Amino acid sequence: MADSGHSGTPQYRQCHLDELLIFVDRPECAADVLGDILARMAEMEFRKAQAELVEISFVQKAAYETARSLNQSLMSMSPQLAPQVAALSDPREVERQLNAALRQRLNEAAQVFRDDFGFALDGC
């Protein structure tokens, strides 16, 4: 970008590096900026190789699939439990059965998560 004639407005030079646009106000800083970016890119690649970083699209897809599966599991509880709890007269027994079924579903979901992603969710 060129200076619009206003004093104090910096001159910008545009550099291109693998689809990355960098604007610096002094051309002599370009090498430093590029060096910093290359160092960060190398660190990110290293962290990916160490399995400390993953692509956001993977995380988004996994979160969606996990939530969808859990939703289906929980929504199927009502039709399955309705006949069992309809015959009960003790509210504490109804609560106990509902809690047991919910706990079982959540534990199953946590196990699937551990199996798929290799670590446990806290509190499960």
N, C-alpha and C. Protein backbone atom coordinates (compact mmCIF):
# COMPACT_ATOMS: atom_id res chain seq x y z
N MET A 1 0.85 -1.17 0.00
CA MET A 1 0.00 0.00 0.00
C MET A 1 0.89 1.23 0.00
N ALA A 2 0.47 2.20 -0.68
CA ALA A 2 1.26 3.42 -0.75
C ALA A 2 0.75 4.42 0.25
N ASP A 3 1.61 5.37 0.61
CA ASP A 3 1.27 6.44 1.51
C ASP A 3 0.25 7.34 0.81
N SER A 4 -0.79 7.75 1.51
CA SER A 4 -1.82 8.57 0.91
C SER A 4 -1.47 10.05 0.96
N GLY A 5 -0.27 10.39 1.37
CA GLY A 5 0.18 11.76 1.41
C GLY A 5 0.07 12.38 2.79
N HIS A 6 -0.56 11.69 3.71
CA HIS A 6 -0.67 12.21 5.07
C HIS A 6 0.62 11.91 5.81
N SER A 7 1.14 12.90 6.51
CA SER A 7 2.38 12.68 7.25
C SER A 7 2.11 11.73 8.41
N GLY A 8 3.07 10.91 8.70
CA GLY A 8 2.94 9.95 9.78
C GLY A 8 2.33 8.63 9.35
N THR A 9 1.78 8.52 8.16
CA THR A 9 1.23 7.26 7.67
C THR A 9 2.38 6.42 7.14
N PRO A 10 2.56 5.20 7.66
CA PRO A 10 3.72 4.40 7.23
C PRO A 10 3.57 3.88 5.81
N GLN A 11 4.68 3.68 5.18
CA GLN A 11 4.73 3.02 3.89
C GLN A 11 4.68 1.51 4.16
N TYR A 12 3.92 0.76 3.36
CA TYR A 12 3.83 -0.68 3.55
C TYR A 12 4.36 -1.40 2.32
N ARG A 13 5.07 -2.47 2.57
CA ARG A 13 5.56 -3.33 1.50
C ARG A 13 4.89 -4.67 1.70
N GLN A 14 4.37 -5.24 0.65
CA GLN A 14 3.66 -6.52 0.74
C GLN A 14 4.60 -7.64 0.34
N CYS A 15 4.70 -8.67 1.20
CA CYS A 15 5.51 -9.84 0.92
C CYS A 15 4.57 -11.04 0.83
N HIS A 16 4.94 -12.03 0.04
CA HIS A 16 4.10 -13.20 -0.12
C HIS A 16 4.93 -14.44 0.19
N LEU A 17 4.43 -15.29 1.11
CA LEU A 17 5.12 -16.53 1.47
C LEU A 17 4.06 -17.60 1.64
N ASP A 18 3.99 -18.51 0.67
CA ASP A 18 3.03 -19.61 0.75
C ASP A 18 1.63 -19.14 1.17
N GLU A 19 1.07 -18.23 0.42
CA GLU A 19 -0.26 -17.68 0.62
C GLU A 19 -0.40 -16.87 1.90
N LEU A 20 0.69 -16.49 2.53
CA LEU A 20 0.68 -15.71 3.75
C LEU A 20 1.09 -14.29 3.40
N LEU A 21 0.22 -13.34 3.64
CA LEU A 21 0.53 -11.96 3.34
C LEU A 21 1.07 -11.28 4.59
N ILE A 22 2.15 -10.59 4.43
CA ILE A 22 2.80 -9.92 5.55
C ILE A 22 2.98 -8.46 5.17
N PHE A 23 2.53 -7.58 6.01
CA PHE A 23 2.72 -6.16 5.78
C PHE A 23 3.67 -5.65 6.86
N VAL A 24 4.73 -5.01 6.46
CA VAL A 24 5.67 -4.43 7.42
C VAL A 24 5.86 -2.97 7.06
N ASP A 25 6.06 -2.17 8.08
CA ASP A 25 6.20 -0.75 7.81
C ASP A 25 7.60 -0.35 7.39
N ARG A 26 8.56 -1.25 7.61
CA ARG A 26 9.94 -0.96 7.15
C ARG A 26 10.46 -2.21 6.45
N PRO A 27 10.89 -2.08 5.21
CA PRO A 27 11.38 -3.25 4.47
C PRO A 27 12.48 -4.01 5.20
N GLU A 28 13.30 -3.35 5.98
CA GLU A 28 14.39 -4.04 6.68
C GLU A 28 13.86 -4.97 7.77
N CYS A 29 12.61 -4.82 8.15
CA CYS A 29 12.00 -5.70 9.16
C CYS A 29 11.42 -6.97 8.54
N ALA A 30 11.28 -6.98 7.23
CA ALA A 30 10.64 -8.12 6.57
C ALA A 30 11.32 -9.43 6.89
N ALA A 31 12.66 -9.45 6.87
CA ALA A 31 13.38 -10.69 7.15
C ALA A 31 13.10 -11.18 8.57
N ASP A 32 13.04 -10.26 9.54
CA ASP A 32 12.74 -10.64 10.92
C ASP A 32 11.33 -11.20 11.04
N VAL A 33 10.37 -10.55 10.39
CA VAL A 33 8.99 -11.00 10.44
C VAL A 33 8.87 -12.39 9.81
N LEU A 34 9.48 -12.57 8.66
CA LEU A 34 9.45 -13.87 7.98
C LEU A 34 10.13 -14.94 8.82
N GLY A 35 11.25 -14.58 9.45
CA GLY A 35 11.95 -15.53 10.31
C GLY A 35 11.08 -15.97 11.49
N ASP A 36 10.37 -15.00 12.09
CA ASP A 36 9.47 -15.33 13.20
C ASP A 36 8.36 -16.27 12.74
N ILE A 37 7.79 -15.98 11.58
CA ILE A 37 6.71 -16.81 11.06
C ILE A 37 7.21 -18.22 10.75
N LEU A 38 8.37 -18.32 10.13
CA LEU A 38 8.93 -19.64 9.83
C LEU A 38 9.22 -20.42 11.11
N ALA A 39 9.70 -19.74 12.14
CA ALA A 39 9.96 -20.40 13.42
C ALA A 39 8.66 -20.90 14.04
N ARG A 40 7.62 -20.08 13.97
CA ARG A 40 6.32 -20.51 14.52
C ARG A 40 5.75 -21.67 13.73
N MET A 41 5.89 -21.62 12.42
CA MET A 41 5.40 -22.73 11.59
C MET A 41 6.15 -24.01 11.92
N ALA A 42 7.45 -23.93 12.11
CA ALA A 42 8.25 -25.10 12.46
C ALA A 42 7.82 -25.65 13.82
N GLU A 43 7.56 -24.75 14.77
CA GLU A 43 7.11 -25.18 16.09
C GLU A 43 5.75 -25.88 16.00
N MET A 44 4.83 -25.33 15.19
CA MET A 44 3.53 -25.96 15.03
C MET A 44 3.66 -27.34 14.39
N GLU A 45 4.52 -27.48 13.40
CA GLU A 45 4.71 -28.79 12.78
C GLU A 45 5.30 -29.78 13.77
N PHE A 46 6.23 -29.32 14.59
CA PHE A 46 6.81 -30.17 15.63
C PHE A 46 5.73 -30.61 16.62
N ARG A 47 4.88 -29.67 17.06
CA ARG A 47 3.83 -29.99 18.01
C ARG A 47 2.79 -30.92 17.40
N LYS A 48 2.54 -30.80 16.10
CA LYS A 48 1.65 -31.74 15.42
C LYS A 48 2.26 -33.14 15.44
N ALA A 49 3.56 -33.21 15.15
CA ALA A 49 4.25 -34.51 15.13
C ALA A 49 4.25 -35.15 16.52
N GLN A 50 4.25 -34.33 17.57
CA GLN A 50 4.22 -34.83 18.94
C GLN A 50 2.80 -35.08 19.44
N ALA A 51 1.82 -34.89 18.57
CA ALA A 51 0.40 -35.05 18.88
C ALA A 51 -0.08 -34.07 19.94
N GLU A 52 0.56 -32.89 19.99
CA GLU A 52 0.12 -31.84 20.90
C GLU A 52 -0.85 -30.89 20.20
N LEU A 53 -0.85 -30.89 18.88
CA LEU A 53 -1.75 -30.05 18.08
C LEU A 53 -2.47 -30.92 17.07
N VAL A 54 -3.71 -30.58 16.80
CA VAL A 54 -4.49 -31.25 15.76
C VAL A 54 -5.20 -30.19 14.94
N GLU A 55 -5.63 -30.57 13.76
CA GLU A 55 -6.37 -29.66 12.90
C GLU A 55 -7.73 -29.36 13.54
N ILE A 56 -8.14 -28.10 13.46
CA ILE A 56 -9.42 -27.70 14.04
C ILE A 56 -10.58 -28.45 13.41
N SER A 57 -10.49 -28.77 12.13
CA SER A 57 -11.59 -29.48 11.47
C SER A 57 -11.79 -30.86 12.09
N PHE A 58 -10.69 -31.51 12.51
CA PHE A 58 -10.79 -32.81 13.18
C PHE A 58 -11.52 -32.67 14.51
N VAL A 59 -11.17 -31.65 15.26
CA VAL A 59 -11.80 -31.42 16.57
C VAL A 59 -13.28 -31.10 16.40
N GLN A 60 -13.59 -30.25 15.42
CA GLN A 60 -14.99 -29.89 15.18
C GLN A 60 -15.81 -31.12 14.78
N LYS A 61 -15.27 -31.94 13.90
CA LYS A 61 -15.99 -33.13 13.47
C LYS A 61 -16.18 -34.11 14.63
N ALA A 62 -15.13 -34.30 15.42
CA ALA A 62 -15.21 -35.22 16.56
C ALA A 62 -16.22 -34.72 17.59
N ALA A 63 -16.24 -33.42 17.85
CA ALA A 63 -17.20 -32.85 18.81
C ALA A 63 -18.62 -33.04 18.30
N TYR A 64 -18.83 -32.80 17.02
CA TYR A 64 -20.16 -32.97 16.43
C TYR A 64 -20.61 -34.43 16.53
N GLU A 65 -19.75 -35.36 16.13
CA GLU A 65 -20.10 -36.78 16.16
C GLU A 65 -20.36 -37.26 17.58
N THR A 66 -19.56 -36.81 18.53
CA THR A 66 -19.73 -37.20 19.92
C THR A 66 -21.06 -36.67 20.47
N ALA A 67 -21.34 -35.41 20.20
CA ALA A 67 -22.60 -34.82 20.68
C ALA A 67 -23.81 -35.49 20.03
N ARG A 68 -23.72 -35.78 18.75
CA ARG A 68 -24.82 -36.44 18.04
C ARG A 68 -25.08 -37.83 18.63
N SER A 69 -24.01 -38.58 18.86
CA SER A 69 -24.15 -39.92 19.42
C SER A 69 -24.74 -39.88 20.83
N LEU A 70 -24.25 -38.96 21.65
CA LEU A 70 -24.77 -38.83 23.01
C LEU A 70 -26.23 -38.41 22.98
N ASN A 71 -26.57 -37.49 22.10
CA ASN A 71 -27.96 -37.06 21.98
C ASN A 71 -28.87 -38.23 21.62
N GLN A 72 -28.46 -39.02 20.64
CA GLN A 72 -29.27 -40.18 20.25
C GLN A 72 -29.43 -41.17 21.40
N SER A 73 -28.35 -41.39 22.13
CA SER A 73 -28.39 -42.33 23.24
C SER A 73 -29.34 -41.84 24.33
N LEU A 74 -29.25 -40.57 24.67
CA LEU A 74 -30.10 -40.03 25.74
C LEU A 74 -31.56 -39.94 25.31
N MET A 75 -31.79 -39.58 24.06
CA MET A 75 -33.17 -39.46 23.59
C MET A 75 -33.87 -40.82 23.50
N SER A 76 -33.11 -41.88 23.37
CA SER A 76 -33.73 -43.21 23.31
C SER A 76 -34.06 -43.76 24.70
N MET A 77 -33.64 -43.06 25.75
CA MET A 77 -33.91 -43.54 27.11
C MET A 77 -35.39 -43.52 27.45
N SER A 78 -36.09 -42.46 27.10
CA SER A 78 -37.50 -42.31 27.50
C SER A 78 -38.37 -43.47 27.05
N PRO A 79 -38.34 -43.80 25.74
CA PRO A 79 -39.20 -44.92 25.33
C PRO A 79 -38.82 -46.25 25.98
N GLN A 80 -37.54 -46.42 26.28
CA GLN A 80 -37.10 -47.68 26.88
C GLN A 80 -37.47 -47.75 28.36
N LEU A 81 -37.41 -46.61 29.05
CA LEU A 81 -37.66 -46.62 30.50
C LEU A 81 -39.13 -46.41 30.86
N ALA A 82 -39.90 -45.83 29.98
CA ALA A 82 -41.30 -45.50 30.31
C ALA A 82 -42.07 -46.70 30.85
N PRO A 83 -42.03 -47.86 30.19
CA PRO A 83 -42.80 -49.00 30.71
C PRO A 83 -42.33 -49.44 32.10
N GLN A 84 -41.03 -49.36 32.35
CA GLN A 84 -40.50 -49.80 33.65
C GLN A 84 -40.93 -48.87 34.77
N VAL A 85 -40.80 -47.56 34.55
CA VAL A 85 -41.09 -46.62 35.64
C VAL A 85 -42.59 -46.35 35.79
N ALA A 86 -43.39 -46.62 34.75
CA ALA A 86 -44.84 -46.40 34.83
C ALA A 86 -45.48 -47.29 35.88
N ALA A 87 -44.90 -48.44 36.08
CA ALA A 87 -45.46 -49.40 37.03
C ALA A 87 -45.02 -49.12 38.47
N LEU A 88 -44.08 -48.20 38.65
CA LEU A 88 -43.55 -47.93 39.99
C LEU A 88 -44.39 -46.88 40.71
N SER A 89 -44.56 -47.06 42.02
CA SER A 89 -45.32 -46.09 42.81
C SER A 89 -44.41 -45.27 43.72
N ASP A 90 -43.20 -45.74 43.95
CA ASP A 90 -42.26 -45.05 44.84
C ASP A 90 -41.41 -44.06 44.03
N PRO A 91 -41.55 -42.76 44.29
CA PRO A 91 -40.78 -41.76 43.54
C PRO A 91 -39.26 -41.95 43.66
N ARG A 92 -38.82 -42.44 44.83
CA ARG A 92 -37.37 -42.68 45.00
C ARG A 92 -36.87 -43.80 44.10
N GLU A 93 -37.70 -44.80 43.89
CA GLU A 93 -37.32 -45.90 43.00
C GLU A 93 -37.31 -45.43 41.54
N VAL A 94 -38.25 -44.57 41.17
CA VAL A 94 -38.26 -43.98 39.83
C VAL A 94 -36.97 -43.19 39.61
N GLU A 95 -36.63 -42.35 40.60
CA GLU A 95 -35.40 -41.56 40.50
C GLU A 95 -34.17 -42.46 40.42
N ARG A 96 -34.13 -43.51 41.23
CA ARG A 96 -32.99 -44.42 41.23
C ARG A 96 -32.82 -45.06 39.86
N GLN A 97 -33.91 -45.53 39.26
CA GLN A 97 -33.82 -46.17 37.95
C GLN A 97 -33.43 -45.18 36.86
N LEU A 98 -33.99 -43.98 36.92
CA LEU A 98 -33.62 -42.96 35.94
C LEU A 98 -32.14 -42.59 36.05
N ASN A 99 -31.67 -42.40 37.28
CA ASN A 99 -30.26 -42.07 37.49
C ASN A 99 -29.34 -43.20 37.03
N ALA A 100 -29.73 -44.43 37.32
CA ALA A 100 -28.91 -45.58 36.90
C ALA A 100 -28.82 -45.66 35.38
N ALA A 101 -29.94 -45.45 34.70
CA ALA A 101 -29.94 -45.50 33.24
C ALA A 101 -29.12 -44.35 32.65
N LEU A 102 -29.27 -43.17 33.22
CA LEU A 102 -28.50 -42.02 32.75
C LEU A 102 -27.01 -42.23 32.98
N ARG A 103 -26.65 -42.70 34.16
CA ARG A 103 -25.24 -42.97 34.48
C ARG A 103 -24.65 -44.00 33.51
N GLN A 104 -25.43 -45.05 33.21
CA GLN A 104 -24.95 -46.07 32.28
C GLN A 104 -24.69 -45.46 30.90
N ARG A 105 -25.62 -44.65 30.40
CA ARG A 105 -25.45 -44.03 29.08
C ARG A 105 -24.24 -43.11 29.05
N LEU A 106 -24.07 -42.31 30.10
CA LEU A 106 -22.93 -41.39 30.14
C LEU A 106 -21.61 -42.15 30.25
N ASN A 107 -21.59 -43.22 31.03
CA ASN A 107 -20.37 -44.04 31.12
C ASN A 107 -20.04 -44.70 29.79
N GLU A 108 -21.06 -45.17 29.07
CA GLU A 108 -20.84 -45.74 27.74
C GLU A 108 -20.28 -44.69 26.78
N ALA A 109 -20.82 -43.49 26.84
CA ALA A 109 -20.32 -42.40 25.98
C ALA A 109 -18.88 -42.06 26.33
N ALA A 110 -18.56 -42.04 27.62
CA ALA A 110 -17.19 -41.74 28.05
C ALA A 110 -16.23 -42.83 27.57
N GLN A 111 -16.67 -44.09 27.60
CA GLN A 111 -15.82 -45.19 27.13
C GLN A 111 -15.57 -45.07 25.63
N VAL A 112 -16.59 -44.74 24.87
CA VAL A 112 -16.42 -44.54 23.43
C VAL A 112 -15.43 -43.40 23.19
N PHE A 113 -15.56 -42.32 23.95
CA PHE A 113 -14.64 -41.19 23.83
C PHE A 113 -13.21 -41.64 24.12
N ARG A 114 -13.02 -42.40 25.21
CA ARG A 114 -11.67 -42.90 25.54
C ARG A 114 -11.12 -43.77 24.43
N ASP A 115 -11.96 -44.65 23.90
CA ASP A 115 -11.53 -45.55 22.83
C ASP A 115 -11.16 -44.79 21.56
N ASP A 116 -11.99 -43.79 21.22
CA ASP A 116 -11.77 -43.04 19.99
C ASP A 116 -10.64 -42.03 20.07
N PHE A 117 -10.48 -41.39 21.24
CA PHE A 117 -9.54 -40.27 21.34
C PHE A 117 -8.36 -40.51 22.26
N GLY A 118 -8.36 -41.62 22.96
CA GLY A 118 -7.18 -42.01 23.72
C GLY A 118 -7.00 -41.37 25.06
N PHE A 119 -7.99 -40.64 25.57
CA PHE A 119 -7.88 -40.11 26.93
C PHE A 119 -9.26 -39.99 27.52
N ALA A 120 -9.28 -39.94 28.87
CA ALA A 120 -10.54 -39.92 29.60
C ALA A 120 -11.01 -38.50 29.82
N LEU A 121 -12.32 -38.35 29.87
CA LEU A 121 -12.90 -37.07 30.27
C LEU A 121 -12.86 -37.00 31.79
N ASP A 122 -12.51 -35.84 32.33
CA ASP A 122 -12.49 -35.68 33.78
C ASP A 122 -13.88 -35.87 34.36
N GLY A 123 -13.95 -36.59 35.46
CA GLY A 123 -15.21 -36.78 36.14
C GLY A 123 -16.07 -37.89 35.60
N CYS A 124 -15.59 -38.66 34.65
CA CYS A 124 -16.40 -39.75 34.07
C CYS A 124 -15.87 -41.09 34.51
